[in-house]
Amino acid sequence: MKTDETPSLIIQRDLIKSKEVHASDVASACYSTIERLNPILNAYITIIPPEKDEISSNGSMPLFGIPIAVKDLYDTKGIRTTGGSKFFCGEYS
């Protein structure tokens, strides 16, 4: 999957469900796009690379395998949470 030709969420879901692509391929493509564009957009504070060995192809939930971004307002164990403020820049859950 090329990062410059990212299909819609529905298409990604269907490709994973039909096993035409592996969920780790979708995660890797998403990560590559973030790595390429984040220096310009500065949209992400903490970026966690996908771990291929932790991503399976056996999910039944509707959005299984679709990468998500979590707003920096919610405490997530082991991940820096700033709430968009320099005051909290060193906070970890």
N, C-alpha and C. Protein backbone atom coordinates (compact mmCIF):
# COMPACT_ATOMS: atom_id res chain seq x y z
N MET A 1 0.85 -1.17 0.00
CA MET A 1 0.00 0.00 0.00
C MET A 1 0.89 1.24 0.00
N LYS A 2 0.71 2.11 -0.97
CA LYS A 2 1.51 3.33 -1.04
C LYS A 2 0.90 4.38 -0.13
N THR A 3 1.76 5.14 0.56
CA THR A 3 1.27 6.14 1.50
C THR A 3 0.66 7.35 0.81
N ASP A 4 1.01 7.60 -0.46
CA ASP A 4 0.46 8.75 -1.16
C ASP A 4 -0.89 8.43 -1.82
N GLU A 5 -1.33 7.21 -1.70
CA GLU A 5 -2.60 6.79 -2.28
C GLU A 5 -3.46 6.12 -1.21
N THR A 6 -3.61 6.78 -0.08
CA THR A 6 -4.33 6.19 1.04
C THR A 6 -5.81 6.04 0.73
N PRO A 7 -6.31 4.80 0.76
CA PRO A 7 -7.74 4.58 0.50
C PRO A 7 -8.58 5.02 1.70
N SER A 8 -9.86 5.16 1.47
CA SER A 8 -10.77 5.57 2.54
C SER A 8 -10.80 4.52 3.65
N LEU A 9 -11.33 4.91 4.78
CA LEU A 9 -11.44 4.01 5.93
C LEU A 9 -12.25 2.77 5.57
N ILE A 10 -13.34 2.95 4.84
CA ILE A 10 -14.19 1.82 4.45
C ILE A 10 -13.42 0.85 3.56
N ILE A 11 -12.69 1.39 2.60
CA ILE A 11 -11.91 0.53 1.70
C ILE A 11 -10.83 -0.21 2.48
N GLN A 12 -10.14 0.49 3.39
CA GLN A 12 -9.12 -0.16 4.21
C GLN A 12 -9.73 -1.30 5.02
N ARG A 13 -10.87 -1.03 5.65
CA ARG A 13 -11.55 -2.05 6.45
C ARG A 13 -11.88 -3.27 5.60
N ASP A 14 -12.43 -3.03 4.42
CA ASP A 14 -12.81 -4.14 3.54
C ASP A 14 -11.59 -4.93 3.06
N LEU A 15 -10.49 -4.25 2.78
CA LEU A 15 -9.26 -4.93 2.35
C LEU A 15 -8.71 -5.82 3.46
N ILE A 16 -8.77 -5.33 4.70
CA ILE A 16 -8.30 -6.12 5.84
C ILE A 16 -9.22 -7.32 6.05
N LYS A 17 -10.52 -7.06 6.01
CA LYS A 17 -11.51 -8.12 6.24
C LYS A 17 -11.40 -9.23 5.20
N SER A 18 -11.15 -8.85 3.94
CA SER A 18 -11.02 -9.84 2.87
C SER A 18 -9.62 -10.44 2.81
N LYS A 19 -8.74 -9.97 3.68
CA LYS A 19 -7.35 -10.44 3.77
C LYS A 19 -6.53 -10.13 2.51
N GLU A 20 -6.96 -9.09 1.77
CA GLU A 20 -6.17 -8.63 0.63
C GLU A 20 -4.93 -7.88 1.12
N VAL A 21 -5.05 -7.24 2.27
CA VAL A 21 -3.90 -6.63 2.94
C VAL A 21 -3.96 -7.02 4.41
N HIS A 22 -2.82 -7.00 5.06
CA HIS A 22 -2.74 -7.32 6.48
C HIS A 22 -2.89 -6.01 7.26
N ALA A 23 -3.46 -6.10 8.43
CA ALA A 23 -3.64 -4.91 9.27
C ALA A 23 -2.30 -4.21 9.52
N SER A 24 -1.21 -4.97 9.60
CA SER A 24 0.10 -4.35 9.83
C SER A 24 0.54 -3.52 8.63
N ASP A 25 0.10 -3.88 7.41
CA ASP A 25 0.42 -3.08 6.22
C ASP A 25 -0.27 -1.72 6.28
N VAL A 26 -1.51 -1.72 6.72
CA VAL A 26 -2.26 -0.47 6.86
C VAL A 26 -1.60 0.40 7.92
N ALA A 27 -1.24 -0.19 9.06
CA ALA A 27 -0.59 0.56 10.13
C ALA A 27 0.75 1.13 9.67
N SER A 28 1.53 0.34 8.95
CA SER A 28 2.83 0.80 8.46
C SER A 28 2.69 1.94 7.46
N ALA A 29 1.70 1.84 6.58
CA ALA A 29 1.46 2.91 5.60
C ALA A 29 1.05 4.20 6.29
N CYS A 30 0.20 4.07 7.28
CA CYS A 30 -0.25 5.24 8.05
C CYS A 30 0.94 5.87 8.77
N TYR A 31 1.76 5.05 9.40
CA TYR A 31 2.93 5.53 10.12
C TYR A 31 3.90 6.25 9.18
N SER A 32 4.11 5.70 8.00
CA SER A 32 5.00 6.33 7.01
C SER A 32 4.50 7.71 6.60
N THR A 33 3.19 7.82 6.42
CA THR A 33 2.60 9.11 6.07
C THR A 33 2.79 10.12 7.20
N ILE A 34 2.58 9.68 8.42
CA ILE A 34 2.76 10.56 9.58
C ILE A 34 4.22 11.01 9.67
N GLU A 35 5.16 10.08 9.51
CA GLU A 35 6.58 10.43 9.57
C GLU A 35 6.94 11.46 8.50
N ARG A 36 6.36 11.32 7.33
CA ARG A 36 6.67 12.23 6.22
C ARG A 36 6.05 13.61 6.41
N LEU A 37 4.81 13.67 6.91
CA LEU A 37 4.09 14.94 6.98
C LEU A 37 4.15 15.65 8.32
N ASN A 38 4.40 14.93 9.41
CA ASN A 38 4.37 15.58 10.72
C ASN A 38 5.40 16.69 10.89
N PRO A 39 6.61 16.58 10.32
CA PRO A 39 7.53 17.71 10.45
C PRO A 39 6.98 19.01 9.84
N ILE A 40 6.11 18.89 8.87
CA ILE A 40 5.50 20.06 8.23
C ILE A 40 4.25 20.50 8.99
N LEU A 41 3.39 19.53 9.33
CA LEU A 41 2.10 19.83 9.95
C LEU A 41 2.15 19.98 11.46
N ASN A 42 3.11 19.32 12.09
CA ASN A 42 3.23 19.32 13.55
C ASN A 42 1.89 18.94 14.20
N ALA A 43 1.28 17.88 13.70
CA ALA A 43 -0.04 17.45 14.16
C ALA A 43 0.02 16.46 15.31
N TYR A 44 1.13 15.76 15.45
CA TYR A 44 1.24 14.72 16.48
C TYR A 44 2.35 15.06 17.45
N ILE A 45 2.08 14.89 18.75
CA ILE A 45 3.08 15.12 19.78
C ILE A 45 3.88 13.85 20.03
N THR A 46 3.19 12.74 20.18
CA THR A 46 3.82 11.45 20.42
C THR A 46 3.39 10.49 19.33
N ILE A 47 4.37 9.88 18.68
CA ILE A 47 4.07 8.94 17.60
C ILE A 47 4.63 7.58 18.01
N ILE A 48 3.77 6.59 18.05
CA ILE A 48 4.17 5.25 18.45
C ILE A 48 4.18 4.36 17.22
N PRO A 49 5.36 3.85 16.85
CA PRO A 49 5.41 3.00 15.65
C PRO A 49 4.63 1.71 15.84
N PRO A 50 4.03 1.22 14.76
CA PRO A 50 3.27 -0.03 14.87
C PRO A 50 4.20 -1.21 15.10
N GLU A 51 3.79 -2.12 15.94
CA GLU A 51 4.54 -3.35 16.21
C GLU A 51 3.88 -4.47 15.43
N LYS A 52 4.53 -4.91 14.35
CA LYS A 52 3.91 -5.91 13.47
C LYS A 52 3.54 -7.18 14.20
N ASP A 53 4.33 -7.57 15.19
CA ASP A 53 4.03 -8.81 15.89
C ASP A 53 2.83 -8.68 16.82
N GLU A 54 2.38 -7.45 17.08
CA GLU A 54 1.22 -7.24 17.94
C GLU A 54 -0.06 -7.03 17.14
N ILE A 55 0.04 -6.98 15.83
CA ILE A 55 -1.12 -6.74 14.98
C ILE A 55 -1.50 -8.05 14.30
N SER A 56 -2.69 -8.53 14.60
CA SER A 56 -3.14 -9.77 13.97
C SER A 56 -4.13 -9.46 12.86
N SER A 57 -4.54 -10.47 12.15
CA SER A 57 -5.56 -10.31 11.11
C SER A 57 -6.87 -10.94 11.54
N ASN A 58 -7.00 -11.26 12.80
CA ASN A 58 -8.18 -11.99 13.27
C ASN A 58 -9.05 -11.11 14.16
N GLY A 59 -9.65 -10.11 13.59
CA GLY A 59 -10.53 -9.25 14.37
C GLY A 59 -11.91 -9.22 13.76
N SER A 60 -12.90 -9.08 14.61
CA SER A 60 -14.27 -9.07 14.10
C SER A 60 -14.98 -7.74 14.34
N MET A 61 -14.35 -6.83 15.05
CA MET A 61 -14.98 -5.54 15.31
C MET A 61 -15.01 -4.73 14.01
N PRO A 62 -16.00 -3.84 13.84
CA PRO A 62 -16.16 -3.11 12.57
C PRO A 62 -14.94 -2.31 12.12
N LEU A 63 -14.19 -1.76 13.04
CA LEU A 63 -13.02 -0.96 12.67
C LEU A 63 -11.71 -1.66 12.99
N PHE A 64 -11.73 -2.97 13.09
CA PHE A 64 -10.53 -3.73 13.39
C PHE A 64 -9.43 -3.42 12.37
N GLY A 65 -8.23 -3.14 12.87
CA GLY A 65 -7.07 -2.92 12.02
C GLY A 65 -6.91 -1.51 11.52
N ILE A 66 -7.85 -0.63 11.81
CA ILE A 66 -7.77 0.75 11.34
C ILE A 66 -7.00 1.57 12.38
N PRO A 67 -5.88 2.20 11.98
CA PRO A 67 -5.12 3.02 12.92
C PRO A 67 -5.95 4.22 13.39
N ILE A 68 -5.72 4.63 14.62
CA ILE A 68 -6.42 5.79 15.17
C ILE A 68 -5.41 6.75 15.79
N ALA A 69 -5.83 7.98 15.95
CA ALA A 69 -5.06 8.98 16.69
C ALA A 69 -5.88 9.36 17.90
N VAL A 70 -5.22 9.53 19.03
CA VAL A 70 -5.90 9.88 20.27
C VAL A 70 -5.53 11.32 20.61
N LYS A 71 -6.53 12.16 20.81
CA LYS A 71 -6.31 13.56 21.16
C LYS A 71 -5.49 13.63 22.43
N ASP A 72 -4.57 14.55 22.48
CA ASP A 72 -3.65 14.70 23.61
C ASP A 72 -4.36 15.35 24.82
N LEU A 73 -5.53 14.86 25.12
CA LEU A 73 -6.27 15.32 26.30
C LEU A 73 -6.58 14.16 27.23
N TYR A 74 -6.36 12.95 26.74
CA TYR A 74 -6.73 11.75 27.48
C TYR A 74 -5.48 11.03 27.98
N ASP A 75 -5.46 10.73 29.27
CA ASP A 75 -4.33 9.99 29.82
C ASP A 75 -4.31 8.58 29.24
N THR A 76 -3.15 8.20 28.74
CA THR A 76 -2.95 6.87 28.19
C THR A 76 -1.70 6.31 28.85
N LYS A 77 -1.81 5.15 29.45
CA LYS A 77 -0.72 4.57 30.22
C LYS A 77 0.60 4.57 29.44
N GLY A 78 1.62 5.19 30.05
CA GLY A 78 2.96 5.19 29.49
C GLY A 78 3.21 6.17 28.36
N ILE A 79 2.21 6.99 28.04
CA ILE A 79 2.35 7.94 26.94
C ILE A 79 2.21 9.36 27.48
N ARG A 80 3.07 10.24 26.97
CA ARG A 80 3.05 11.64 27.40
C ARG A 80 1.70 12.27 27.09
N THR A 81 1.16 13.01 28.07
CA THR A 81 -0.11 13.72 27.90
C THR A 81 0.12 15.17 28.28
N THR A 82 -0.05 16.09 27.32
CA THR A 82 0.22 17.50 27.60
C THR A 82 -1.05 18.35 27.62
N GLY A 83 -2.11 17.87 27.03
CA GLY A 83 -3.32 18.69 26.93
C GLY A 83 -3.07 19.95 26.11
N GLY A 84 -2.03 19.92 25.28
CA GLY A 84 -1.70 21.08 24.46
C GLY A 84 -1.07 22.22 25.24
N SER A 85 -0.61 21.95 26.45
CA SER A 85 -0.04 22.99 27.31
C SER A 85 1.40 22.68 27.69
N LYS A 86 2.26 23.68 27.66
CA LYS A 86 3.65 23.50 28.09
C LYS A 86 3.71 23.17 29.58
N PHE A 87 2.70 23.57 30.33
CA PHE A 87 2.65 23.30 31.76
C PHE A 87 2.67 21.80 32.05
N PHE A 88 2.04 21.02 31.18
CA PHE A 88 1.96 19.57 31.37
C PHE A 88 2.92 18.78 30.49
N CYS A 89 3.89 19.44 29.87
CA CYS A 89 4.71 18.78 28.84
C CYS A 89 5.49 17.58 29.34
N GLY A 90 5.73 17.43 30.62
CA GLY A 90 6.47 16.29 31.13
C GLY A 90 5.61 15.23 31.78
N GLU A 91 4.30 15.34 31.63
CA GLU A 91 3.37 14.42 32.30
C GLU A 91 3.21 13.10 31.55
N TYR A 92 3.30 12.01 32.31
CA TYR A 92 3.05 10.68 31.76
C TYR A 92 2.02 10.00 32.63
N SER A 93 1.16 9.20 32.02
CA SER A 93 0.12 8.49 32.78
C SER A 93 0.68 7.21 33.35
